[in-house]
Amino acid sequence: MDQIALPDIPLSPNIRSRFVEDINGLRMHVLEAGYETPGRPCILLLHGFPELAFSWRKVMPALASAGYHVIAPDQRGYGRTTGWDGAYDGDLSSFRLLNLVRDALGLVSAFGYRNVDAVVGHDFGSSVAAWCALVRPDVFLSVVLMSAPFAGPPSLPFDTANAVPRPRRDDPVHRELAALPRPRKHYQWYYSTREANADMHGAPQGVHDFLRAYYHHKSADWKDNRPYPLKSWTANELAKLPTYYVMDFTRNMAETVAEEMPSAESISANKWLPDSELSFYSAEYMRTGFQGGLQWYRCGTSAAFTPELETWSGRTIDVPSCFIAGRQDWGTYQRAGVYEAMQQRACTRMLGCHLIDGAGHWVQQEQPDQVTGLLFDFLKHATAQVI
């Protein structure tokens, strides 16, 4: 992942690309807007998979014009940020959630901020943003979760001192998915396999067309994205999810999304992700591969790092919060009950949940003007509450 002779990023003139050294062992690549005037309040934007800081390009100028210093890093494992171990057999612990929070905290501190007005996270970045607000509410004064709701920290076993000890058993849902008449597998467990990176990085259709199909399949452009709440975490319910979440058992992700590759006419008509912008994503992922992002999923599926998260069992997000997602995004409902738990228990000062029509999973790219308007409204009310 050499930093020499990297091509320019297709950005508007009021966004700059730069590097910040020594952020929790990383040389972090950052996109920045509103940097011209010192002393502005700060907003931190955290991307998801398979995206980059570049995914915020459409909302950053408006936030800067409103008086904010806007910072969007390529997170650990992604893009032009270096210093992370991308080997499958490397140091997985550096990708655990609390270390990703430490990355965010270190970046904010490096820019000279004791706190930021908001941390905004999309997709897996939503999980990092949630834990930022949970662990350091003094630094992250409000939080916006996008496309991935947060149910709260894992619970400790409770009232078990006089109960008969029972060993923790494996989740049977994966065996049950494989045993369905149409055998299936969950994408997060597939992403945790040794083969996943090579499947995508070496996709027969090439990385560019792989990403085109992947983004299309999870967007509002794919007309079968009509999500609804699932009843339970069971094989029969999970099998209702599209194949980008619950895959056919014998297919990898490149093969899965190839089935839904949009036509040349659809690609030419795409306004939210034209080929000129997708080409930046594909060039970066061709250079780095996908393993850095896949390490995040491995941390989640291994359960090795759950005990340290249980340290916050029972704690809630008590800073002002809101949720934004596309109405055509299955991500809101992919785990039964999480969307409701976020509103009822996990976030005590939830100022709104907004589902934007005409957007699938890539909400800030598909409908940036609506997202920006909701962010402005949230920031106005959140700031008033903090004061």
Foldseek 3Di string as FASTA:
>chain_A
DDPPPDDDAPADPQKDWDWDPDQVQKGKIKIKGLPPDPPFAEEEEEEAPPDALVLQRLQRVVVSVVGYIYIYIGFFLFFPMDRHDLDLPDDLVCLELVNSLSSVVSVCVSVPAQAHLAYEYADVGLVSRFVNLQVCCSHHQEYERELAFALAADADDPPCPPPDDDDDDDDCQQVVQCPPPQRKGFVLVLLSDPCQQCCQLVPPVANLQLVQLVQCCQKVVNVPLQADAFDASHNVRLVVDQCCGINRPPDHSSVRSVVRRDDPVVQCPDDLQHSVNSVVSRVRCNVRTRSRSSSNSNSVVVCPCSVVSNVCHPTAREREYEYEYASSENNCRSHHPRVVSSVPPRYPRYPYYYHHYRTGRSCCSRPVVVVSVVVVVSSVVRVVVVD
